[in-house]
Amino acid sequence: MAIMEYLEEKFPDKLKLLPETPEGRAKVRALCYLMKPTLYSYWRSSCSWRVRIALALKGIDYDYEGVNLVKGAQREPEFLKKNPQGLVPAYVSGQTVLTESMAIMEYLEEKFPDKLKLLPETPEDRAKVRALCYLIASNTQPIQNLRVLQFYGKGDTSKYAEWASHWICLGFEALEVELKMCSGKFAFGDEPTLLDALIPPQVYNAKRFKVDMDKYPTIQAVNERLGELEAFKKAHPSRQPDTPEGERA
């Protein structure tokens, strides 16, 4: 919005995109903000990161609202009204509040059919992509997320890496086999899919917990190719509004 307002003021001789009267301009601005969704996110949250990638790939603009998981902002009453689970992400569009990263990404796929498609054409390929997504989203990442680590560690953070790396390695052993059979330029063939939104966050977590990525060359190669693309750079934790100064790119 700031850029568009700047263009309107910078080039007054070009086609005007705001009405003449203050009342008209205010109304247009209000409608613009009303239509713009808000993503409640945490800079390093795997699930939030997935949704940010999907939004970037589809070219959907949104407002970012940081939720500091370390400080417990997800348990504040105001946020619990949006997601009683106290988890991010939460995607708010008008009166609609959506939670769970996979559900949000599937919603974006259905809501914006004119944008870049992130599911393949055939029912068989769509089912395969979804299955590989859930390999990460259901069977790998949840077991090593923050609240599980905190419960398991009982205050001993030295236990985190051993627990997390164990489950990540189990998931990656299966994913490596799958990607050897189905990856191309992207994780599934030569076009981006929802699966690509799940790879970088999980690789990031793997490295964070000292997993030896040399054991998973196909996953690593896919992740490196994705990291070269602008949509993935835009969604990276180092470039978010709530990224701590020491973690910024």
C-alpha atoms as a PDB file:
ATOM      1  CA  MET A   1       0.000   0.000   0.000  1.00  0.00           C
ATOM      2  CA  ALA A   2       2.806   2.431   0.853  1.00  0.00           C
ATOM      3  CA  ILE A   3       4.408   1.839  -2.549  1.00  0.00           C
ATOM      4  CA  MET A   4       1.136   2.351  -4.399  1.00  0.00           C
ATOM      5  CA  GLU A   5       0.436   5.561  -2.481  1.00  0.00           C
ATOM      6  CA  TYR A   6       3.948   6.733  -3.343  1.00  0.00           C
ATOM      7  CA  LEU A   7       3.391   6.032  -7.043  1.00  0.00           C
ATOM      8  CA  GLU A   8       0.128   7.968  -6.931  1.00  0.00           C
ATOM      9  CA  GLU A   9       1.893  11.020  -5.494  1.00  0.00           C
ATOM     10  CA  LYS A  10       5.106  10.680  -7.485  1.00  0.00           C
ATOM     11  CA  PHE A  11       3.421  10.573 -10.883  1.00  0.00           C
ATOM     12  CA  PRO A  12       0.407  12.939 -10.714  1.00  0.00           C
ATOM     13  CA  ASP A  13       0.330  13.226 -14.522  1.00  0.00           C
ATOM     14  CA  LYS A  14      -0.346   9.488 -14.901  1.00  0.00           C
ATOM     15  CA  LEU A  15      -3.674   7.694 -14.543  1.00  0.00           C
ATOM     16  CA  LYS A  16      -5.081   8.555 -11.116  1.00  0.00           C
ATOM     17  CA  LEU A  17      -5.943   5.566  -8.921  1.00  0.00           C
ATOM     18  CA  LEU A  18      -7.545   7.503  -6.079  1.00  0.00           C
ATOM     19  CA  PRO A  19     -10.783   9.543  -6.277  1.00  0.00           C
ATOM     20  CA  GLU A  20     -10.776  13.338  -6.188  1.00  0.00           C
ATOM     21  CA  THR A  21     -12.492  13.938  -2.852  1.00  0.00           C
ATOM     22  CA  PRO A  22     -10.958  13.216   0.587  1.00  0.00           C
ATOM     23  CA  GLU A  23     -14.050  11.166   1.421  1.00  0.00           C
ATOM     24  CA  GLY A  24     -13.655   9.056  -1.719  1.00  0.00           C
ATOM     25  CA  ARG A  25      -9.966   8.488  -1.109  1.00  0.00           C
ATOM     26  CA  ALA A  26     -10.611   7.488   2.503  1.00  0.00           C
ATOM     27  CA  LYS A  27     -13.283   5.004   1.406  1.00  0.00           C
ATOM     28  CA  VAL A  28     -11.016   3.387  -1.194  1.00  0.00           C
ATOM     29  CA  ARG A  29      -8.186   3.109   1.319  1.00  0.00           C
ATOM     30  CA  ALA A  30     -10.514   1.541   3.902  1.00  0.00           C
ATOM     31  CA  LEU A  31     -11.717  -1.053   1.385  1.00  0.00           C
ATOM     32  CA  CYS A  32      -8.142  -1.861   0.375  1.00  0.00           C
ATOM     33  CA  TYR A  33      -7.174  -2.560   3.960  1.00  0.00           C
ATOM     34  CA  LEU A  34     -10.366  -4.502   4.553  1.00  0.00           C
ATOM     35  CA  MET A  35      -9.562  -6.864   1.697  1.00  0.00           C
ATOM     36  CA  LYS A  36      -5.928  -7.408   2.665  1.00  0.00           C
ATOM     37  CA  PRO A  37      -5.479 -10.556   4.771  1.00  0.00           C
ATOM     38  CA  THR A  38      -3.341 -10.707   7.903  1.00  0.00           C
ATOM     39  CA  LEU A  39      -0.936 -13.513   8.734  1.00  0.00           C
ATOM     40  CA  TYR A  40      -0.196 -14.039  12.411  1.00  0.00           C
ATOM     41  CA  SER A  41       3.270 -15.511  12.317  1.00  0.00           C
ATOM     42  CA  TYR A  42       6.525 -16.056  14.169  1.00  0.00           C
ATOM     43  CA  TRP A  43       9.708 -15.484  12.213  1.00  0.00           C
ATOM     44  CA  ARG A  44      11.171 -18.953  12.857  1.00  0.00           C
ATOM     45  CA  SER A  45       7.932 -20.947  12.992  1.00  0.00           C
ATOM     46  CA  SER A  46       8.058 -23.783  10.448  1.00  0.00           C
ATOM     47  CA  CYS A  47       4.299 -23.756   9.956  1.00  0.00           C
ATOM     48  CA  SER A  48       4.162 -19.988   9.460  1.00  0.00           C
ATOM     49  CA  TRP A  49       7.100 -20.177   7.058  1.00  0.00           C
ATOM     50  CA  ARG A  50       5.240 -22.687   4.870  1.00  0.00           C
ATOM     51  CA  VAL A  51       2.297 -20.326   4.521  1.00  0.00           C
ATOM     52  CA  ARG A  52       4.605 -17.384   3.786  1.00  0.00           C
ATOM     53  CA  ILE A  53       6.165 -19.395   0.941  1.00  0.00           C
ATOM     54  CA  ALA A  54       2.747 -20.269  -0.498  1.00  0.00           C
ATOM     55  CA  LEU A  55       1.620 -16.633  -0.293  1.00  0.00           C
ATOM     56  CA  ALA A  56       4.832 -15.473  -1.969  1.00  0.00           C
ATOM     57  CA  LEU A  57       4.586 -18.066  -4.745  1.00  0.00           C
ATOM     58  CA  LYS A  58       1.006 -17.009  -5.436  1.00  0.00           C
ATOM     59  CA  GLY A  59       1.845 -13.309  -5.220  1.00  0.00           C
ATOM     60  CA  ILE A  60      -0.725 -12.593  -2.518  1.00  0.00           C
ATOM     61  CA  ASP A  61      -0.066  -9.453  -0.494  1.00  0.00           C
ATOM     62  CA  TYR A  62      -0.810  -9.538   3.236  1.00  0.00           C
ATOM     63  CA  ASP A  63      -0.183  -7.793   6.517  1.00  0.00           C
ATOM     64  CA  TYR A  64       2.225  -9.449   8.943  1.00  0.00           C
ATOM     65  CA  GLU A  65       1.484  -9.623  12.652  1.00  0.00           C
ATOM     66  CA  GLY A  66       4.296 -11.085  14.745  1.00  0.00           C
ATOM     67  CA  VAL A  67       3.461 -13.453  17.612  1.00  0.00           C
ATOM     68  CA  ASN A  68       6.445 -14.007  19.899  1.00  0.00           C
ATOM     69  CA  LEU A  69       6.288 -17.684  20.821  1.00  0.00           C
ATOM     70  CA  VAL A  70       9.286 -17.476  23.160  1.00  0.00           C
ATOM     71  CA  LYS A  71       7.597 -14.774  25.242  1.00  0.00           C
ATOM     72  CA  GLY A  72       4.285 -16.654  25.231  1.00  0.00           C
ATOM     73  CA  ALA A  73       2.291 -14.198  23.096  1.00  0.00           C
ATOM     74  CA  GLN A  74       0.434 -17.171  21.585  1.00  0.00           C
ATOM     75  CA  ARG A  75      -1.218 -17.744  24.977  1.00  0.00           C
ATOM     76  CA  GLU A  76      -2.498 -14.193  25.352  1.00  0.00           C
ATOM     77  CA  PRO A  77      -6.331 -13.990  25.487  1.00  0.00           C
ATOM     78  CA  GLU A  78      -6.521 -11.785  22.382  1.00  0.00           C
ATOM     79  CA  PHE A  79      -4.630 -14.304  20.255  1.00  0.00           C
ATOM     80  CA  LEU A  80      -6.506 -17.275  21.713  1.00  0.00           C
ATOM     81  CA  LYS A  81      -9.685 -15.725  20.309  1.00  0.00           C
ATOM     82  CA  LYS A  82      -8.166 -16.316  16.856  1.00  0.00           C
ATOM     83  CA  ASN A  83      -6.723 -19.740  17.575  1.00  0.00           C
ATOM     84  CA  PRO A  84      -7.779 -21.470  20.812  1.00  0.00           C
ATOM     85  CA  GLN A  85      -4.867 -23.894  20.334  1.00  0.00           C
ATOM     86  CA  GLY A  86      -2.424 -21.053  20.857  1.00  0.00           C
ATOM     87  CA  LEU A  87      -0.447 -21.901  17.734  1.00  0.00           C
ATOM     88  CA  VAL A  88       0.742 -20.030  14.662  1.00  0.00           C
ATOM     89  CA  PRO A  89      -0.008 -19.412  11.905  1.00  0.00           C
ATOM     90  CA  ALA A  90      -3.424 -17.843  11.911  1.00  0.00           C
ATOM     91  CA  TYR A  91      -4.659 -16.369   8.634  1.00  0.00           C
ATOM     92  CA  VAL A  92      -7.360 -13.728   8.911  1.00  0.00           C
ATOM     93  CA  SER A  93      -9.293 -12.493   5.882  1.00  0.00           C
ATOM     94  CA  GLY A  94     -12.325 -10.360   6.678  1.00  0.00           C
ATOM     95  CA  GLN A  95     -14.402 -12.365   9.151  1.00  0.00           C
ATOM     96  CA  THR A  96     -12.671 -15.640   8.269  1.00  0.00           C
ATOM     97  CA  VAL A  97      -9.982 -16.987  10.596  1.00  0.00           C
ATOM     98  CA  LEU A  98      -8.033 -20.021   9.413  1.00  0.00           C
ATOM     99  CA  THR A  99      -5.464 -22.088  11.278  1.00  0.00           C
ATOM    100  CA  GLU A 100      -3.206 -25.083  10.472  1.00  0.00           C
ATOM    101  CA  SER A 101      -0.680 -24.474   7.724  1.00  0.00           C
ATOM    102  CA  MET A 102      -1.851 -27.227   5.389  1.00  0.00           C
ATOM    103  CA  ALA A 103      -5.480 -26.122   5.651  1.00  0.00           C
ATOM    104  CA  ILE A 104      -4.477 -22.517   4.944  1.00  0.00           C
ATOM    105  CA  MET A 105      -2.420 -23.490   1.888  1.00  0.00           C
ATOM    106  CA  GLU A 106      -5.217 -25.681   0.528  1.00  0.00           C
ATOM    107  CA  TYR A 107      -7.590 -22.745   1.056  1.00  0.00           C
ATOM    108  CA  LEU A 108      -5.284 -20.419  -0.884  1.00  0.00           C
ATOM    109  CA  GLU A 109      -5.171 -22.957  -3.698  1.00  0.00           C
ATOM    110  CA  GLU A 110      -8.967 -23.041  -3.933  1.00  0.00           C
ATOM    111  CA  LYS A 111      -9.571 -19.358  -3.218  1.00  0.00           C
ATOM    112  CA  PHE A 112      -7.150 -18.073  -5.854  1.00  0.00           C
ATOM    113  CA  PRO A 113      -7.416 -20.462  -8.826  1.00  0.00           C
ATOM    114  CA  ASP A 114      -6.102 -17.742 -11.141  1.00  0.00           C
ATOM    115  CA  LYS A 115      -2.804 -17.589  -9.237  1.00  0.00           C
ATOM    116  CA  LEU A 116       0.101 -20.011  -9.620  1.00  0.00           C
ATOM    117  CA  LYS A 117      -1.236 -23.514  -9.014  1.00  0.00           C
ATOM    118  CA  LEU A 118       0.524 -25.448  -6.265  1.00  0.00           C
ATOM    119  CA  LEU A 119      -1.153 -28.795  -6.804  1.00  0.00           C
ATOM    120  CA  PRO A 120      -0.644 -30.946  -9.937  1.00  0.00           C
ATOM    121  CA  GLU A 121      -3.322 -31.658 -12.524  1.00  0.00           C
ATOM    122  CA  THR A 122      -4.162 -35.314 -11.886  1.00  0.00           C
ATOM    123  CA  PRO A 123      -5.874 -36.717  -8.767  1.00  0.00           C
ATOM    124  CA  GLU A 124      -3.048 -39.224  -8.421  1.00  0.00           C
ATOM    125  CA  ASP A 125      -0.325 -36.579  -8.434  1.00  0.00           C
ATOM    126  CA  ARG A 126      -2.277 -34.317  -6.085  1.00  0.00           C
ATOM    127  CA  ALA A 127      -2.679 -37.211  -3.639  1.00  0.00           C
ATOM    128  CA  LYS A 128       1.044 -37.962  -3.856  1.00  0.00           C
ATOM    129  CA  VAL A 129       2.020 -34.353  -3.179  1.00  0.00           C
ATOM    130  CA  ARG A 130      -0.339 -34.203  -0.218  1.00  0.00           C
ATOM    131  CA  ALA A 131       1.057 -37.468   1.176  1.00  0.00           C
ATOM    132  CA  LEU A 132       4.618 -36.138   1.000  1.00  0.00           C
ATOM    133  CA  CYS A 133       3.500 -32.883   2.619  1.00  0.00           C
ATOM    134  CA  TYR A 134       2.002 -34.819   5.514  1.00  0.00           C
ATOM    135  CA  LEU A 135       5.170 -36.885   5.832  1.00  0.00           C
ATOM    136  CA  ILE A 136       6.695 -33.624   7.063  1.00  0.00           C
ATOM    137  CA  ALA A 137       3.683 -31.739   8.423  1.00  0.00           C
ATOM    138  CA  SER A 138       2.187 -34.623  10.414  1.00  0.00           C
ATOM    139  CA  ASN A 139       4.929 -37.177  11.016  1.00  0.00           C
ATOM    140  CA  THR A 140       8.130 -35.166  11.361  1.00  0.00           C
ATOM    141  CA  GLN A 141       7.812 -31.503  12.321  1.00  0.00           C
ATOM    142  CA  PRO A 142       5.170 -31.690  15.091  1.00  0.00           C
ATOM    143  CA  ILE A 143       7.303 -34.062  17.162  1.00  0.00           C
ATOM    144  CA  GLN A 144      10.130 -31.533  17.322  1.00  0.00           C
ATOM    145  CA  ASN A 145       8.260 -28.266  17.652  1.00  0.00           C
ATOM    146  CA  LEU A 146       8.746 -25.917  20.582  1.00  0.00           C
ATOM    147  CA  ARG A 147       6.028 -27.101  22.944  1.00  0.00           C
ATOM    148  CA  VAL A 148       7.014 -30.771  22.521  1.00  0.00           C
ATOM    149  CA  LEU A 149      10.679 -29.935  23.137  1.00  0.00           C
ATOM    150  CA  GLN A 150       9.774 -27.942  26.237  1.00  0.00           C
ATOM    151  CA  PHE A 151       7.658 -30.765  27.629  1.00  0.00           C
ATOM    152  CA  TYR A 152      10.296 -33.400  26.871  1.00  0.00           C
ATOM    153  CA  GLY A 153      13.214 -31.325  28.125  1.00  0.00           C
ATOM    154  CA  LYS A 154      11.532 -30.325  31.396  1.00  0.00           C
ATOM    155  CA  GLY A 155      13.786 -27.258  31.496  1.00  0.00           C
ATOM    156  CA  ASP A 156      16.891 -29.072  30.224  1.00  0.00           C
ATOM    157  CA  THR A 157      17.517 -27.542  26.790  1.00  0.00           C
ATOM    158  CA  SER A 158      20.488 -29.875  26.229  1.00  0.00           C
ATOM    159  CA  LYS A 159      17.964 -32.644  25.488  1.00  0.00           C
ATOM    160  CA  TYR A 160      16.370 -30.739  22.609  1.00  0.00           C
ATOM    161  CA  ALA A 161      18.867 -31.575  19.851  1.00  0.00           C
ATOM    162  CA  GLU A 162      18.975 -35.321  20.549  1.00  0.00           C
ATOM    163  CA  TRP A 163      15.182 -35.623  20.511  1.00  0.00           C
ATOM    164  CA  ALA A 164      14.597 -33.364  17.504  1.00  0.00           C
ATOM    165  CA  SER A 165      17.365 -34.818  15.333  1.00  0.00           C
ATOM    166  CA  HIS A 166      16.127 -38.364  15.979  1.00  0.00           C
ATOM    167  CA  TRP A 167      12.675 -37.623  14.562  1.00  0.00           C
ATOM    168  CA  ILE A 168      13.929 -35.416  11.751  1.00  0.00           C
ATOM    169  CA  CYS A 169      16.304 -38.154  10.588  1.00  0.00           C
ATOM    170  CA  LEU A 170      13.509 -40.737  10.580  1.00  0.00           C
ATOM    171  CA  GLY A 171      11.386 -38.452   8.419  1.00  0.00           C
ATOM    172  CA  PHE A 172      14.237 -37.489   6.120  1.00  0.00           C
ATOM    173  CA  GLU A 173      15.223 -41.103   5.489  1.00  0.00           C
ATOM    174  CA  ALA A 174      11.791 -41.696   3.964  1.00  0.00           C
ATOM    175  CA  LEU A 175      11.627 -38.312   2.217  1.00  0.00           C
ATOM    176  CA  GLU A 176      15.039 -38.832   0.604  1.00  0.00           C
ATOM    177  CA  VAL A 177      13.826 -42.063  -1.003  1.00  0.00           C
ATOM    178  CA  GLU A 178      10.641 -40.385  -2.237  1.00  0.00           C
ATOM    179  CA  LEU A 179      12.372 -37.329  -3.686  1.00  0.00           C
ATOM    180  CA  LYS A 180      14.880 -39.483  -5.574  1.00  0.00           C
ATOM    181  CA  MET A 181      11.905 -40.851  -7.496  1.00  0.00           C
ATOM    182  CA  CYS A 182       9.803 -37.716  -7.981  1.00  0.00           C
ATOM    183  CA  SER A 183      11.931 -34.559  -7.807  1.00  0.00           C
ATOM    184  CA  GLY A 184      12.929 -32.498 -10.820  1.00  0.00           C
ATOM    185  CA  LYS A 185      13.586 -28.784 -10.759  1.00  0.00           C
ATOM    186  CA  PHE A 186      11.292 -28.787  -7.744  1.00  0.00           C
ATOM    187  CA  ALA A 187      10.445 -31.320  -5.054  1.00  0.00           C
ATOM    188  CA  PHE A 188       7.767 -32.921  -7.233  1.00  0.00           C
ATOM    189  CA  GLY A 189       8.592 -32.631 -10.908  1.00  0.00           C
ATOM    190  CA  ASP A 190       9.475 -29.411 -12.663  1.00  0.00           C
ATOM    191  CA  GLU A 191       6.764 -27.119 -11.312  1.00  0.00           C
ATOM    192  CA  PRO A 192       6.355 -25.771  -7.773  1.00  0.00           C
ATOM    193  CA  THR A 193       3.861 -27.524  -5.495  1.00  0.00           C
ATOM    194  CA  LEU A 194       2.778 -27.304  -1.870  1.00  0.00           C
ATOM    195  CA  LEU A 195       5.573 -29.752  -1.075  1.00  0.00           C
ATOM    196  CA  ASP A 196       8.164 -27.095  -1.884  1.00  0.00           C
ATOM    197  CA  ALA A 197       6.723 -24.922   0.869  1.00  0.00           C
ATOM    198  CA  LEU A 198       7.546 -27.590   3.443  1.00  0.00           C
ATOM    199  CA  ILE A 199      11.130 -28.421   2.444  1.00  0.00           C
ATOM    200  CA  PRO A 200      13.066 -25.249   3.469  1.00  0.00           C
ATOM    201  CA  PRO A 201      11.571 -24.957   6.975  1.00  0.00           C
ATOM    202  CA  GLN A 202      12.320 -28.576   7.756  1.00  0.00           C
ATOM    203  CA  VAL A 203      15.867 -28.398   6.400  1.00  0.00           C
ATOM    204  CA  TYR A 204      16.381 -25.229   8.455  1.00  0.00           C
ATOM    205  CA  ASN A 205      15.271 -27.119  11.566  1.00  0.00           C
ATOM    206  CA  ALA A 206      17.502 -30.054  10.682  1.00  0.00           C
ATOM    207  CA  LYS A 207      20.551 -27.813  10.483  1.00  0.00           C
ATOM    208  CA  ARG A 208      19.543 -26.047  13.666  1.00  0.00           C
ATOM    209  CA  PHE A 209      19.562 -29.398  15.469  1.00  0.00           C
ATOM    210  CA  LYS A 210      22.865 -30.499  13.914  1.00  0.00           C
ATOM    211  CA  VAL A 211      21.480 -33.116  11.505  1.00  0.00           C
ATOM    212  CA  ASP A 212      24.108 -34.204   8.964  1.00  0.00           C
ATOM    213  CA  MET A 213      22.462 -33.124   5.711  1.00  0.00           C
ATOM    214  CA  ASP A 214      25.134 -34.903   3.641  1.00  0.00           C
ATOM    215  CA  LYS A 215      23.129 -38.066   4.335  1.00  0.00           C
ATOM    216  CA  TYR A 216      20.227 -36.584   2.377  1.00  0.00           C
ATOM    217  CA  PRO A 217      21.719 -35.240  -0.874  1.00  0.00           C
ATOM    218  CA  THR A 218      18.439 -35.105  -2.801  1.00  0.00           C
ATOM    219  CA  ILE A 219      16.663 -33.126  -0.094  1.00  0.00           C
ATOM    220  CA  GLN A 220      19.659 -30.840   0.179  1.00  0.00           C
ATOM    221  CA  ALA A 221      19.822 -30.270  -3.583  1.00  0.00           C
ATOM    222  CA  VAL A 222      16.118 -29.422  -3.793  1.00  0.00           C
ATOM    223  CA  ASN A 223      16.443 -27.043  -0.864  1.00  0.00           C
ATOM    224  CA  GLU A 224      19.412 -25.265  -2.454  1.00  0.00           C
ATOM    225  CA  ARG A 225      17.532 -24.778  -5.728  1.00  0.00           C
ATOM    226  CA  LEU A 226      14.521 -23.388  -3.894  1.00  0.00           C
ATOM    227  CA  GLY A 227      16.738 -21.023  -1.949  1.00  0.00           C
ATOM    228  CA  GLU A 228      17.723 -19.290  -5.182  1.00  0.00           C
ATOM    229  CA  LEU A 229      14.135 -18.255  -5.963  1.00  0.00           C
ATOM    230  CA  GLU A 230      12.823 -14.843  -4.935  1.00  0.00           C
ATOM    231  CA  ALA A 231       9.602 -16.152  -3.369  1.00  0.00           C
ATOM    232  CA  PHE A 232      11.609 -18.357  -1.039  1.00  0.00           C
ATOM    233  CA  LYS A 233      14.026 -15.567  -0.167  1.00  0.00           C
ATOM    234  CA  LYS A 234      11.084 -13.293   0.667  1.00  0.00           C
ATOM    235  CA  ALA A 235       9.577 -15.892   3.020  1.00  0.00           C
ATOM    236  CA  HIS A 236      12.845 -16.727   4.802  1.00  0.00           C
ATOM    237  CA  PRO A 237      12.974 -16.185   8.592  1.00  0.00           C
ATOM    238  CA  SER A 238      15.864 -13.747   8.230  1.00  0.00           C
ATOM    239  CA  ARG A 239      13.619 -11.296   6.354  1.00  0.00           C
ATOM    240  CA  GLN A 240      10.533 -11.051   8.522  1.00  0.00           C
ATOM    241  CA  PRO A 241       9.320  -7.959  10.430  1.00  0.00           C
ATOM    242  CA  ASP A 242       9.819  -9.722  13.778  1.00  0.00           C
ATOM    243  CA  THR A 243      13.228 -11.211  12.982  1.00  0.00           C
ATOM    244  CA  PRO A 244      15.681 -10.350  15.800  1.00  0.00           C
ATOM    245  CA  GLU A 245      18.464  -8.024  14.748  1.00  0.00           C
ATOM    246  CA  GLY A 246      21.159 -10.652  15.093  1.00  0.00           C
ATOM    247  CA  GLU A 247      19.286 -13.033  12.765  1.00  0.00           C
ATOM    248  CA  ARG A 248      18.538 -10.603   9.932  1.00  0.00           C
ATOM    249  CA  ALA A 249      19.929 -11.176   6.452  1.00  0.00           C
END
